[in-house]
Amino acid sequence: MFKNLKFKKILLPNIKNSIIQKVQFSEIEKFGVSLSIKREDLIHPDISGNKYRKLKYNLLQAQKENKKTLLTFGGAYSNHIAAVASAGKLENFKTIGVVRGDELGDDLEKTLNYNPTLKYASECGMQFKFVSRSDYRKKSSREFIADLETEFEDFYLVPEGGTNEFAVKGCEEILSEKTNQFDTICVAVGTGGTISGLINSAKTHQKIIGFPALKGSFLENEIKEYTTRKNWLLTSEYHFGGYGKTSDELIIFINKFKRETNIQLDPVYTGKMVFGIVDLIKKKAFRKGTEILAIHTGGLQGIEGMNTVLLKKNRLILE
């Protein structure tokens, strides 16, 4: 299915190889466990981390089908919405974002003034369709998609978060010969596409640990749709209340980690993952000598929006 897909334009040449950075962090230095981070956040200035990996083969398929428009779904601060808008601009696709929250469309100019994610997507040329939260829950139904096809006609549909078979294929390319030395691969989990790719491409001696950013056990079933391997587990202790939820403890941790390592984490995905890894190391969940590789899946564009929300609540913000 994937052999004859080739990029026709500019996105692929702009991608840099991600580096693996050894972490020196005071909270884990005495436990005899090695932690490194694969800096997928550095591979592209606008479509970084797993967003590029998930979009790569979807863009190729859209080109193969001669589609001129990409349509996708997301929340008001969605990294995926921003990435699709940017990819569309780079690859000359029109883009449509179906965004959760119909109130955001009441005064679009006001919304764009306080929401840096949607402002960026708009500047990339994305057209928005704001829908109520109840309607948004129907986004996968045949009726909902049929209504979109009536309204927008021909488009290539990219699922929320980008996860489908093409996304999993792209995420299988995160691991390479340079990652073979690691015993444990850790990754934040949203829709299950990234971890499924890692599970499929991991070596037999490697275990994959997923850190869900959402509450609930549904992710296991989603992951099983894309893999039959058993070399993985999810740890559900570090979601901090669910998607988009934070705490002062988490913000303090992310800021400390950045000061000591010069690695910026985001509060929705990678911050929670690294917090969880460090906590598990301190609880001696890993034997001495274990070499852990954490995948930095990007998502840093959302920090500005998160800080806007935190400031309104008089909360600590990300440095």
C-alpha atoms as a PDB file:
ATOM      1  CA  MET A   1       0.000   0.000   0.000  1.00  0.00           C
ATOM      2  CA  PHE A   2       2.771   2.428   0.906  1.00  0.00           C
ATOM      3  CA  LYS A   3       5.586   1.526  -1.489  1.00  0.00           C
ATOM      4  CA  ASN A   4       4.750   3.928  -4.313  1.00  0.00           C
ATOM      5  CA  LEU A   5       3.912   6.967  -2.210  1.00  0.00           C
ATOM      6  CA  LYS A   6       6.352   9.843  -2.697  1.00  0.00           C
ATOM      7  CA  PHE A   7       6.181  13.490  -1.701  1.00  0.00           C
ATOM      8  CA  LYS A   8       5.698  15.690  -4.756  1.00  0.00           C
ATOM      9  CA  LYS A   9       6.633  18.983  -3.111  1.00  0.00           C
ATOM     10  CA  ILE A  10       8.432  20.468  -0.145  1.00  0.00           C
ATOM     11  CA  LEU A  11       7.400  18.984   3.193  1.00  0.00           C
ATOM     12  CA  LEU A  12       9.717  15.982   3.328  1.00  0.00           C
ATOM     13  CA  PRO A  13      12.970  17.857   2.502  1.00  0.00           C
ATOM     14  CA  ASN A  14      12.271  20.277   5.364  1.00  0.00           C
ATOM     15  CA  ILE A  15      12.284  17.502   7.937  1.00  0.00           C
ATOM     16  CA  LYS A  16      15.362  17.145  10.107  1.00  0.00           C
ATOM     17  CA  ASN A  17      16.516  13.925  11.729  1.00  0.00           C
ATOM     18  CA  SER A  18      15.608  13.955  15.414  1.00  0.00           C
ATOM     19  CA  ILE A  19      18.450  13.727  17.911  1.00  0.00           C
ATOM     20  CA  ILE A  20      18.617  11.599  21.027  1.00  0.00           C
ATOM     21  CA  GLN A  21      19.517  13.679  24.080  1.00  0.00           C
ATOM     22  CA  LYS A  22      20.762  12.155  27.322  1.00  0.00           C
ATOM     23  CA  VAL A  23      18.988  13.713  30.294  1.00  0.00           C
ATOM     24  CA  GLN A  24      20.846  14.948  33.352  1.00  0.00           C
ATOM     25  CA  PHE A  25      18.146  15.687  35.934  1.00  0.00           C
ATOM     26  CA  SER A  26      18.774  15.999  39.664  1.00  0.00           C
ATOM     27  CA  GLU A  27      15.689  14.070  40.769  1.00  0.00           C
ATOM     28  CA  ILE A  28      16.807  10.786  39.173  1.00  0.00           C
ATOM     29  CA  GLU A  29      20.599  10.922  39.215  1.00  0.00           C
ATOM     30  CA  LYS A  30      21.031   8.539  42.184  1.00  0.00           C
ATOM     31  CA  PHE A  31      18.795   5.703  40.971  1.00  0.00           C
ATOM     32  CA  GLY A  32      21.076   4.069  38.405  1.00  0.00           C
ATOM     33  CA  VAL A  33      18.571   4.431  35.557  1.00  0.00           C
ATOM     34  CA  SER A  34      19.424   6.167  32.282  1.00  0.00           C
ATOM     35  CA  LEU A  35      16.874   8.516  30.664  1.00  0.00           C
ATOM     36  CA  SER A  36      17.207   9.897  27.145  1.00  0.00           C
ATOM     37  CA  ILE A  37      14.725  11.852  25.042  1.00  0.00           C
ATOM     38  CA  LYS A  38      14.244  11.524  21.300  1.00  0.00           C
ATOM     39  CA  ARG A  39      13.718  15.116  20.212  1.00  0.00           C
ATOM     40  CA  GLU A  40      10.936  14.709  17.678  1.00  0.00           C
ATOM     41  CA  ASP A  41       9.953  18.263  18.632  1.00  0.00           C
ATOM     42  CA  LEU A  42      12.937  19.522  16.615  1.00  0.00           C
ATOM     43  CA  ILE A  43      12.261  17.820  13.285  1.00  0.00           C
ATOM     44  CA  HIS A  44      10.187  20.661  11.813  1.00  0.00           C
ATOM     45  CA  PRO A  45       9.479  24.226  13.032  1.00  0.00           C
ATOM     46  CA  ASP A  46       5.695  24.013  12.525  1.00  0.00           C
ATOM     47  CA  ILE A  47       4.781  20.335  12.055  1.00  0.00           C
ATOM     48  CA  SER A  48       6.904  18.777  14.757  1.00  0.00           C
ATOM     49  CA  GLY A  49       6.889  15.517  16.631  1.00  0.00           C
ATOM     50  CA  ASN A  50       4.216  12.932  16.067  1.00  0.00           C
ATOM     51  CA  LYS A  51       2.085  15.428  14.118  1.00  0.00           C
ATOM     52  CA  TYR A  52       4.459  15.201  11.171  1.00  0.00           C
ATOM     53  CA  ARG A  53       4.721  11.439  11.534  1.00  0.00           C
ATOM     54  CA  LYS A  54       0.940  11.071  11.511  1.00  0.00           C
ATOM     55  CA  LEU A  55       0.407  13.433   8.600  1.00  0.00           C
ATOM     56  CA  LYS A  56       3.171  12.191   6.311  1.00  0.00           C
ATOM     57  CA  TYR A  57       1.385   9.233   4.728  1.00  0.00           C
ATOM     58  CA  ASN A  58      -2.015  10.902   4.994  1.00  0.00           C
ATOM     59  CA  LEU A  59      -0.720  13.765   2.858  1.00  0.00           C
ATOM     60  CA  LEU A  60       0.736  11.306   0.394  1.00  0.00           C
ATOM     61  CA  GLN A  61      -2.583   9.482   0.187  1.00  0.00           C
ATOM     62  CA  ALA A  62      -4.457  12.751  -0.314  1.00  0.00           C
ATOM     63  CA  GLN A  63      -2.093  13.602  -3.178  1.00  0.00           C
ATOM     64  CA  LYS A  64      -2.567  10.125  -4.642  1.00  0.00           C
ATOM     65  CA  GLU A  65      -6.355  10.599  -4.562  1.00  0.00           C
ATOM     66  CA  ASN A  66      -5.977  14.061  -6.136  1.00  0.00           C
ATOM     67  CA  LYS A  67      -7.722  15.693  -3.205  1.00  0.00           C
ATOM     68  CA  LYS A  68      -7.370  19.468  -2.958  1.00  0.00           C
ATOM     69  CA  THR A  69      -8.805  19.916   0.545  1.00  0.00           C
ATOM     70  CA  LEU A  70      -7.986  18.433   3.957  1.00  0.00           C
ATOM     71  CA  LEU A  71     -10.717  18.346   6.598  1.00  0.00           C
ATOM     72  CA  THR A  72     -10.075  17.447  10.208  1.00  0.00           C
ATOM     73  CA  PHE A  73     -11.341  17.874  13.766  1.00  0.00           C
ATOM     74  CA  GLY A  74     -10.010  19.299  17.006  1.00  0.00           C
ATOM     75  CA  GLY A  75     -10.465  21.433  20.084  1.00  0.00           C
ATOM     76  CA  ALA A  76      -9.741  25.135  20.422  1.00  0.00           C
ATOM     77  CA  TYR A  77      -6.061  24.597  21.331  1.00  0.00           C
ATOM     78  CA  SER A  78      -5.448  21.465  19.271  1.00  0.00           C
ATOM     79  CA  ASN A  79      -1.873  20.798  18.163  1.00  0.00           C
ATOM     80  CA  HIS A  80      -3.378  18.696  15.385  1.00  0.00           C
ATOM     81  CA  ILE A  81      -5.484  21.575  14.036  1.00  0.00           C
ATOM     82  CA  ALA A  82      -2.391  23.791  13.901  1.00  0.00           C
ATOM     83  CA  ALA A  83      -0.307  21.080  12.227  1.00  0.00           C
ATOM     84  CA  VAL A  84      -2.891  20.305   9.534  1.00  0.00           C
ATOM     85  CA  ALA A  85      -3.265  24.011   8.771  1.00  0.00           C
ATOM     86  CA  SER A  86       0.500  24.391   8.437  1.00  0.00           C
ATOM     87  CA  ALA A  87       0.874  21.239   6.329  1.00  0.00           C
ATOM     88  CA  GLY A  88      -1.927  22.409   4.074  1.00  0.00           C
ATOM     89  CA  LYS A  89      -0.204  25.721   3.506  1.00  0.00           C
ATOM     90  CA  LEU A  90       3.123  24.015   2.744  1.00  0.00           C
ATOM     91  CA  GLU A  91       1.622  21.382   0.459  1.00  0.00           C
ATOM     92  CA  ASN A  92      -0.933  23.634  -1.248  1.00  0.00           C
ATOM     93  CA  PHE A  93      -4.050  22.019   0.209  1.00  0.00           C
ATOM     94  CA  LYS A  94      -7.084  23.960   1.321  1.00  0.00           C
ATOM     95  CA  THR A  95      -7.822  23.105   4.952  1.00  0.00           C
ATOM     96  CA  ILE A  96     -11.018  22.948   6.983  1.00  0.00           C
ATOM     97  CA  GLY A  97     -11.050  22.595  10.752  1.00  0.00           C
ATOM     98  CA  VAL A  98     -14.202  21.344  12.453  1.00  0.00           C
ATOM     99  CA  VAL A  99     -13.693  22.805  15.920  1.00  0.00           C
ATOM    100  CA  ARG A 100     -15.419  21.827  19.167  1.00  0.00           C
ATOM    101  CA  GLY A 101     -17.311  24.759  20.705  1.00  0.00           C
ATOM    102  CA  ASP A 102     -19.896  26.642  18.660  1.00  0.00           C
ATOM    103  CA  GLU A 103     -19.551  29.702  20.926  1.00  0.00           C
ATOM    104  CA  LEU A 104     -16.086  30.263  19.432  1.00  0.00           C
ATOM    105  CA  GLY A 105     -17.703  31.213  16.148  1.00  0.00           C
ATOM    106  CA  ASP A 106     -19.971  33.895  17.610  1.00  0.00           C
ATOM    107  CA  ASP A 107     -17.211  36.505  17.352  1.00  0.00           C
ATOM    108  CA  LEU A 108     -14.363  35.007  15.326  1.00  0.00           C
ATOM    109  CA  GLU A 109     -12.204  38.112  15.518  1.00  0.00           C
ATOM    110  CA  LYS A 110     -12.392  38.060  19.313  1.00  0.00           C
ATOM    111  CA  THR A 111     -11.658  34.332  19.374  1.00  0.00           C
ATOM    112  CA  LEU A 112      -8.568  34.729  17.209  1.00  0.00           C
ATOM    113  CA  ASN A 113      -7.329  37.582  19.391  1.00  0.00           C
ATOM    114  CA  TYR A 114      -7.128  35.393  22.506  1.00  0.00           C
ATOM    115  CA  ASN A 115      -6.532  31.972  20.946  1.00  0.00           C
ATOM    116  CA  PRO A 116      -3.031  31.694  19.423  1.00  0.00           C
ATOM    117  CA  THR A 117      -3.673  28.186  18.033  1.00  0.00           C
ATOM    118  CA  LEU A 118      -6.718  29.152  15.989  1.00  0.00           C
ATOM    119  CA  LYS A 119      -5.084  32.444  15.020  1.00  0.00           C
ATOM    120  CA  TYR A 120      -2.097  30.562  13.625  1.00  0.00           C
ATOM    121  CA  ALA A 121      -4.345  28.086  11.794  1.00  0.00           C
ATOM    122  CA  SER A 122      -6.326  30.962  10.325  1.00  0.00           C
ATOM    123  CA  GLU A 123      -3.147  32.681   9.167  1.00  0.00           C
ATOM    124  CA  CYS A 124      -2.249  29.427   7.398  1.00  0.00           C
ATOM    125  CA  GLY A 125      -5.530  29.673   5.504  1.00  0.00           C
ATOM    126  CA  MET A 126      -7.671  27.213   7.451  1.00  0.00           C
ATOM    127  CA  GLN A 127     -11.442  27.643   7.237  1.00  0.00           C
ATOM    128  CA  PHE A 128     -13.326  26.865  10.450  1.00  0.00           C
ATOM    129  CA  LYS A 129     -16.625  25.198  11.167  1.00  0.00           C
ATOM    130  CA  PHE A 130     -17.508  25.547  14.846  1.00  0.00           C
ATOM    131  CA  VAL A 131     -19.919  22.956  16.212  1.00  0.00           C
ATOM    132  CA  SER A 132     -21.551  22.362  19.578  1.00  0.00           C
ATOM    133  CA  ARG A 133     -20.010  19.862  21.945  1.00  0.00           C
ATOM    134  CA  SER A 134     -22.980  17.545  21.526  1.00  0.00           C
ATOM    135  CA  ASP A 135     -22.670  17.619  17.731  1.00  0.00           C
ATOM    136  CA  TYR A 136     -18.910  17.186  17.974  1.00  0.00           C
ATOM    137  CA  ARG A 137     -19.411  13.853  19.714  1.00  0.00           C
ATOM    138  CA  LYS A 138     -21.130  12.666  16.534  1.00  0.00           C
ATOM    139  CA  LYS A 139     -18.133  13.504  14.329  1.00  0.00           C
ATOM    140  CA  SER A 140     -17.461   9.868  13.390  1.00  0.00           C
ATOM    141  CA  SER A 141     -21.044   9.053  12.454  1.00  0.00           C
ATOM    142  CA  ARG A 142     -22.033   8.514   8.832  1.00  0.00           C
ATOM    143  CA  GLU A 143     -24.702  11.198   9.099  1.00  0.00           C
ATOM    144  CA  PHE A 144     -22.288  13.827  10.388  1.00  0.00           C
ATOM    145  CA  ILE A 145     -19.708  13.065   7.693  1.00  0.00           C
ATOM    146  CA  ALA A 146     -22.430  13.075   5.019  1.00  0.00           C
ATOM    147  CA  ASP A 147     -23.517  16.555   6.135  1.00  0.00           C
ATOM    148  CA  LEU A 148     -19.921  17.746   5.874  1.00  0.00           C
ATOM    149  CA  GLU A 149     -19.658  16.279   2.366  1.00  0.00           C
ATOM    150  CA  THR A 150     -22.800  18.141   1.388  1.00  0.00           C
ATOM    151  CA  GLU A 151     -21.453  21.397   2.802  1.00  0.00           C
ATOM    152  CA  PHE A 152     -17.820  21.181   1.662  1.00  0.00           C
ATOM    153  CA  GLU A 153     -18.043  18.655  -1.200  1.00  0.00           C
ATOM    154  CA  ASP A 154     -14.838  16.761  -1.994  1.00  0.00           C
ATOM    155  CA  PHE A 155     -12.207  16.544   0.760  1.00  0.00           C
ATOM    156  CA  TYR A 156      -9.697  14.159   2.300  1.00  0.00           C
ATOM    157  CA  LEU A 157     -10.745  13.405   5.876  1.00  0.00           C
ATOM    158  CA  VAL A 158      -7.996  13.303   8.496  1.00  0.00           C
ATOM    159  CA  PRO A 159      -9.377  11.908  11.785  1.00  0.00           C
ATOM    160  CA  GLU A 160      -9.177  13.827  15.059  1.00  0.00           C
ATOM    161  CA  GLY A 161      -5.597  13.562  16.268  1.00  0.00           C
ATOM    162  CA  GLY A 162      -4.640  12.166  12.857  1.00  0.00           C
ATOM    163  CA  THR A 163      -4.816   8.524  13.862  1.00  0.00           C
ATOM    164  CA  ASN A 164      -5.533   5.958  11.155  1.00  0.00           C
ATOM    165  CA  GLU A 165      -3.504   3.272   9.358  1.00  0.00           C
ATOM    166  CA  PHE A 166      -1.466   5.930   7.543  1.00  0.00           C
ATOM    167  CA  ALA A 167      -0.644   7.665  10.820  1.00  0.00           C
ATOM    168  CA  VAL A 168       0.472   4.415  12.443  1.00  0.00           C
ATOM    169  CA  LYS A 169       2.726   3.710   9.456  1.00  0.00           C
ATOM    170  CA  GLY A 170       4.365   7.105   9.879  1.00  0.00           C
ATOM    171  CA  CYS A 171       4.863   6.600  13.612  1.00  0.00           C
ATOM    172  CA  GLU A 172       6.567   3.263  12.986  1.00  0.00           C
ATOM    173  CA  GLU A 173       9.432   5.350  11.550  1.00  0.00           C
ATOM    174  CA  ILE A 174      10.153   7.078  14.884  1.00  0.00           C
ATOM    175  CA  LEU A 175      12.303   4.141  15.996  1.00  0.00           C
ATOM    176  CA  SER A 176      15.453   3.219  14.086  1.00  0.00           C
ATOM    177  CA  GLU A 177      18.787   1.475  14.512  1.00  0.00           C
ATOM    178  CA  LYS A 178      19.867   4.350  16.775  1.00  0.00           C
ATOM    179  CA  THR A 179      17.151   3.433  19.286  1.00  0.00           C
ATOM    180  CA  ASN A 180      17.931  -0.284  19.485  1.00  0.00           C
ATOM    181  CA  GLN A 181      20.043   0.074  22.653  1.00  0.00           C
ATOM    182  CA  PHE A 182      17.106   1.133  24.817  1.00  0.00           C
ATOM    183  CA  ASP A 183      15.175  -1.323  26.982  1.00  0.00           C
ATOM    184  CA  THR A 184      12.069   0.779  27.526  1.00  0.00           C
ATOM    185  CA  ILE A 185      10.343   3.246  25.187  1.00  0.00           C
ATOM    186  CA  CYS A 186       7.953   5.756  26.782  1.00  0.00           C
ATOM    187  CA  VAL A 187       5.417   7.922  24.987  1.00  0.00           C
ATOM    188  CA  ALA A 188       2.454  10.131  25.811  1.00  0.00           C
ATOM    189  CA  VAL A 189      -0.847   8.791  24.489  1.00  0.00           C
ATOM    190  CA  GLY A 190      -3.759  10.749  23.050  1.00  0.00           C
ATOM    191  CA  THR A 191      -5.538   8.816  20.312  1.00  0.00           C
ATOM    192  CA  GLY A 192      -3.301   5.741  20.267  1.00  0.00           C
ATOM    193  CA  GLY A 193      -1.711   6.179  16.841  1.00  0.00           C
ATOM    194  CA  THR A 194       1.791   7.052  17.970  1.00  0.00           C
ATOM    195  CA  ILE A 195       2.113   4.261  20.522  1.00  0.00           C
ATOM    196  CA  SER A 196       0.717   1.769  18.008  1.00  0.00           C
ATOM    197  CA  GLY A 197       3.470   2.659  15.563  1.00  0.00           C
ATOM    198  CA  LEU A 198       6.105   2.279  18.278  1.00  0.00           C
ATOM    199  CA  ILE A 199       4.678  -1.064  19.348  1.00  0.00           C
ATOM    200  CA  ASN A 200       4.843  -2.345  15.782  1.00  0.00           C
ATOM    201  CA  SER A 201       8.429  -1.244  15.145  1.00  0.00           C
ATOM    202  CA  ALA A 202       9.976  -2.002  18.554  1.00  0.00           C
ATOM    203  CA  LYS A 203      12.604  -4.704  18.841  1.00  0.00           C
ATOM    204  CA  THR A 204      11.772  -7.898  20.710  1.00  0.00           C
ATOM    205  CA  HIS A 205      13.751  -6.824  23.790  1.00  0.00           C
ATOM    206  CA  GLN A 206      11.966  -3.473  24.082  1.00  0.00           C
ATOM    207  CA  LYS A 207       8.886  -2.677  26.166  1.00  0.00           C
ATOM    208  CA  ILE A 208       6.619   0.240  25.275  1.00  0.00           C
ATOM    209  CA  ILE A 209       4.974   2.212  28.093  1.00  0.00           C
ATOM    210  CA  GLY A 210       2.200   4.656  27.264  1.00  0.00           C
ATOM    211  CA  PHE A 211       1.190   7.588  29.465  1.00  0.00           C
ATOM    212  CA  PRO A 212      -2.422   8.529  28.567  1.00  0.00           C
ATOM    213  CA  ALA A 213      -3.363  12.206  28.748  1.00  0.00           C
ATOM    214  CA  LEU A 214      -7.044  11.237  28.999  1.00  0.00           C
ATOM    215  CA  LYS A 215      -9.052   9.409  31.616  1.00  0.00           C
ATOM    216  CA  GLY A 216     -10.719   6.113  30.757  1.00  0.00           C
ATOM    217  CA  SER A 217      -9.764   2.654  29.545  1.00  0.00           C
ATOM    218  CA  PHE A 218     -10.975   3.012  25.945  1.00  0.00           C
ATOM    219  CA  LEU A 219      -7.450   3.588  24.612  1.00  0.00           C
ATOM    220  CA  GLU A 220      -6.502  -0.073  24.996  1.00  0.00           C
ATOM    221  CA  ASN A 221      -9.157  -1.117  22.506  1.00  0.00           C
ATOM    222  CA  GLU A 222      -8.120   1.624  20.064  1.00  0.00           C
ATOM    223  CA  ILE A 223      -4.497   0.507  20.192  1.00  0.00           C
ATOM    224  CA  LYS A 224      -5.488  -3.120  19.602  1.00  0.00           C
ATOM    225  CA  GLU A 225      -7.058  -2.047  16.307  1.00  0.00           C
ATOM    226  CA  TYR A 226      -3.583  -1.311  14.927  1.00  0.00           C
ATOM    227  CA  THR A 227      -1.363  -3.951  16.519  1.00  0.00           C
ATOM    228  CA  THR A 228      -1.422  -7.534  17.704  1.00  0.00           C
ATOM    229  CA  ARG A 229       1.817  -7.369  19.663  1.00  0.00           C
ATOM    230  CA  LYS A 230       1.865  -7.689  23.463  1.00  0.00           C
ATOM    231  CA  ASN A 231       5.016  -5.679  24.216  1.00  0.00           C
ATOM    232  CA  TRP A 232       3.233  -2.704  25.763  1.00  0.00           C
ATOM    233  CA  LEU A 233       1.258  -1.362  28.684  1.00  0.00           C
ATOM    234  CA  LEU A 234      -0.515   1.828  29.689  1.00  0.00           C
ATOM    235  CA  THR A 235      -0.040   3.532  33.035  1.00  0.00           C
ATOM    236  CA  SER A 236      -3.060   5.663  33.864  1.00  0.00           C
ATOM    237  CA  GLU A 237      -1.776   7.373  37.019  1.00  0.00           C
ATOM    238  CA  TYR A 238      -0.418  10.550  35.450  1.00  0.00           C
ATOM    239  CA  HIS A 239      -3.239  12.242  33.528  1.00  0.00           C
ATOM    240  CA  PHE A 240      -3.640  14.977  36.208  1.00  0.00           C
ATOM    241  CA  GLY A 241      -7.402  14.971  35.889  1.00  0.00           C
ATOM    242  CA  GLY A 242      -7.718  14.390  32.161  1.00  0.00           C
ATOM    243  CA  TYR A 243      -7.054  16.029  28.828  1.00  0.00           C
ATOM    244  CA  GLY A 244      -5.902  19.628  29.127  1.00  0.00           C
ATOM    245  CA  LYS A 245      -5.978  19.528  32.946  1.00  0.00           C
ATOM    246  CA  THR A 246      -2.921  20.634  34.920  1.00  0.00           C
ATOM    247  CA  SER A 247      -1.818  21.263  38.485  1.00  0.00           C
ATOM    248  CA  ASP A 248       0.703  23.565  40.132  1.00  0.00           C
ATOM    249  CA  GLU A 249       2.799  20.474  40.873  1.00  0.00           C
ATOM    250  CA  LEU A 250       2.994  19.652  37.177  1.00  0.00           C
ATOM    251  CA  ILE A 251       3.829  23.233  36.149  1.00  0.00           C
ATOM    252  CA  ILE A 252       6.573  23.443  38.789  1.00  0.00           C
ATOM    253  CA  PHE A 253       8.005  20.139  37.528  1.00  0.00           C
ATOM    254  CA  ILE A 254       8.004  21.213  33.874  1.00  0.00           C
ATOM    255  CA  ASN A 255       9.711  24.504  34.715  1.00  0.00           C
ATOM    256  CA  LYS A 256      12.349  22.754  36.831  1.00  0.00           C
ATOM    257  CA  PHE A 257      12.985  20.184  34.118  1.00  0.00           C
ATOM    258  CA  LYS A 258      13.462  22.944  31.545  1.00  0.00           C
ATOM    259  CA  ARG A 259      15.890  24.855  33.774  1.00  0.00           C
ATOM    260  CA  GLU A 260      18.037  21.766  34.371  1.00  0.00           C
ATOM    261  CA  THR A 261      17.929  20.150  30.918  1.00  0.00           C
ATOM    262  CA  ASN A 262      17.026  22.982  28.526  1.00  0.00           C
ATOM    263  CA  ILE A 263      14.219  20.767  27.198  1.00  0.00           C
ATOM    264  CA  GLN A 264      10.774  22.343  27.002  1.00  0.00           C
ATOM    265  CA  LEU A 265       7.863  20.021  27.744  1.00  0.00           C
ATOM    266  CA  ASP A 266       4.202  20.735  27.129  1.00  0.00           C
ATOM    267  CA  PRO A 267       1.604  20.432  29.929  1.00  0.00           C
ATOM    268  CA  VAL A 268      -0.884  18.267  28.018  1.00  0.00           C
ATOM    269  CA  TYR A 269       1.285  15.365  26.852  1.00  0.00           C
ATOM    270  CA  THR A 270       5.062  15.302  27.294  1.00  0.00           C
ATOM    271  CA  GLY A 271       5.102  17.058  30.671  1.00  0.00           C
ATOM    272  CA  LYS A 272       2.812  14.434  32.164  1.00  0.00           C
ATOM    273  CA  MET A 273       4.798  11.628  30.568  1.00  0.00           C
ATOM    274  CA  VAL A 274       8.163  12.806  31.913  1.00  0.00           C
ATOM    275  CA  PHE A 275       6.635  13.514  35.331  1.00  0.00           C
ATOM    276  CA  GLY A 276       5.403   9.914  35.315  1.00  0.00           C
ATOM    277  CA  ILE A 277       8.746   8.495  34.212  1.00  0.00           C
ATOM    278  CA  VAL A 278      10.605  10.397  36.942  1.00  0.00           C
ATOM    279  CA  ASP A 279       8.075   9.330  39.561  1.00  0.00           C
ATOM    280  CA  LEU A 280       8.371   5.679  38.520  1.00  0.00           C
ATOM    281  CA  ILE A 281      12.166   5.883  38.615  1.00  0.00           C
ATOM    282  CA  LYS A 282      12.008   7.314  42.153  1.00  0.00           C
ATOM    283  CA  LYS A 283       9.616   4.507  43.135  1.00  0.00           C
ATOM    284  CA  LYS A 284      12.202   2.022  41.783  1.00  0.00           C
ATOM    285  CA  ALA A 285       9.824   0.630  39.181  1.00  0.00           C
ATOM    286  CA  PHE A 286      12.812   0.158  36.841  1.00  0.00           C
ATOM    287  CA  ARG A 287      15.767  -2.059  37.660  1.00  0.00           C
ATOM    288  CA  LYS A 288      19.199  -0.462  37.864  1.00  0.00           C
ATOM    289  CA  GLY A 289      20.887  -0.208  34.494  1.00  0.00           C
ATOM    290  CA  THR A 290      17.624   0.242  32.583  1.00  0.00           C
ATOM    291  CA  GLU A 291      17.971   2.531  29.586  1.00  0.00           C
ATOM    292  CA  ILE A 292      14.768   4.487  28.976  1.00  0.00           C
ATOM    293  CA  LEU A 293      13.982   6.436  25.820  1.00  0.00           C
ATOM    294  CA  ALA A 294      11.149   8.963  26.022  1.00  0.00           C
ATOM    295  CA  ILE A 295       9.645  10.241  22.775  1.00  0.00           C
ATOM    296  CA  HIS A 296       9.166  14.020  22.700  1.00  0.00           C
ATOM    297  CA  THR A 297       6.041  14.342  20.571  1.00  0.00           C
ATOM    298  CA  GLY A 298       6.140  18.134  20.226  1.00  0.00           C
ATOM    299  CA  GLY A 299       2.985  20.050  21.062  1.00  0.00           C
ATOM    300  CA  LEU A 300       4.854  23.137  22.184  1.00  0.00           C
ATOM    301  CA  GLN A 301       2.652  25.518  20.206  1.00  0.00           C
ATOM    302  CA  GLY A 302      -0.043  24.951  22.818  1.00  0.00           C
ATOM    303  CA  ILE A 303       1.977  26.469  25.658  1.00  0.00           C
ATOM    304  CA  GLU A 304       1.021  30.050  24.834  1.00  0.00           C
ATOM    305  CA  GLY A 305      -2.654  29.159  24.886  1.00  0.00           C
ATOM    306  CA  MET A 306      -2.313  27.204  28.123  1.00  0.00           C
ATOM    307  CA  ASN A 307      -0.541  30.131  29.784  1.00  0.00           C
ATOM    308  CA  THR A 308      -3.371  32.418  28.700  1.00  0.00           C
ATOM    309  CA  VAL A 309      -5.850  30.125  30.466  1.00  0.00           C
ATOM    310  CA  LEU A 310      -3.648  29.782  33.564  1.00  0.00           C
ATOM    311  CA  LEU A 311      -3.151  33.546  33.867  1.00  0.00           C
ATOM    312  CA  LYS A 312      -6.902  34.119  33.819  1.00  0.00           C
ATOM    313  CA  LYS A 313      -7.166  31.740  36.769  1.00  0.00           C
ATOM    314  CA  ASN A 314      -4.232  33.368  38.630  1.00  0.00           C
ATOM    315  CA  ARG A 315      -2.323  30.091  38.387  1.00  0.00           C
ATOM    316  CA  LEU A 316       1.360  29.363  37.936  1.00  0.00           C
ATOM    317  CA  ILE A 317       2.451  29.489  34.305  1.00  0.00           C
ATOM    318  CA  LEU A 318       5.060  27.758  32.171  1.00  0.00           C
ATOM    319  CA  GLU A 319       8.352  29.606  31.923  1.00  0.00           C
END
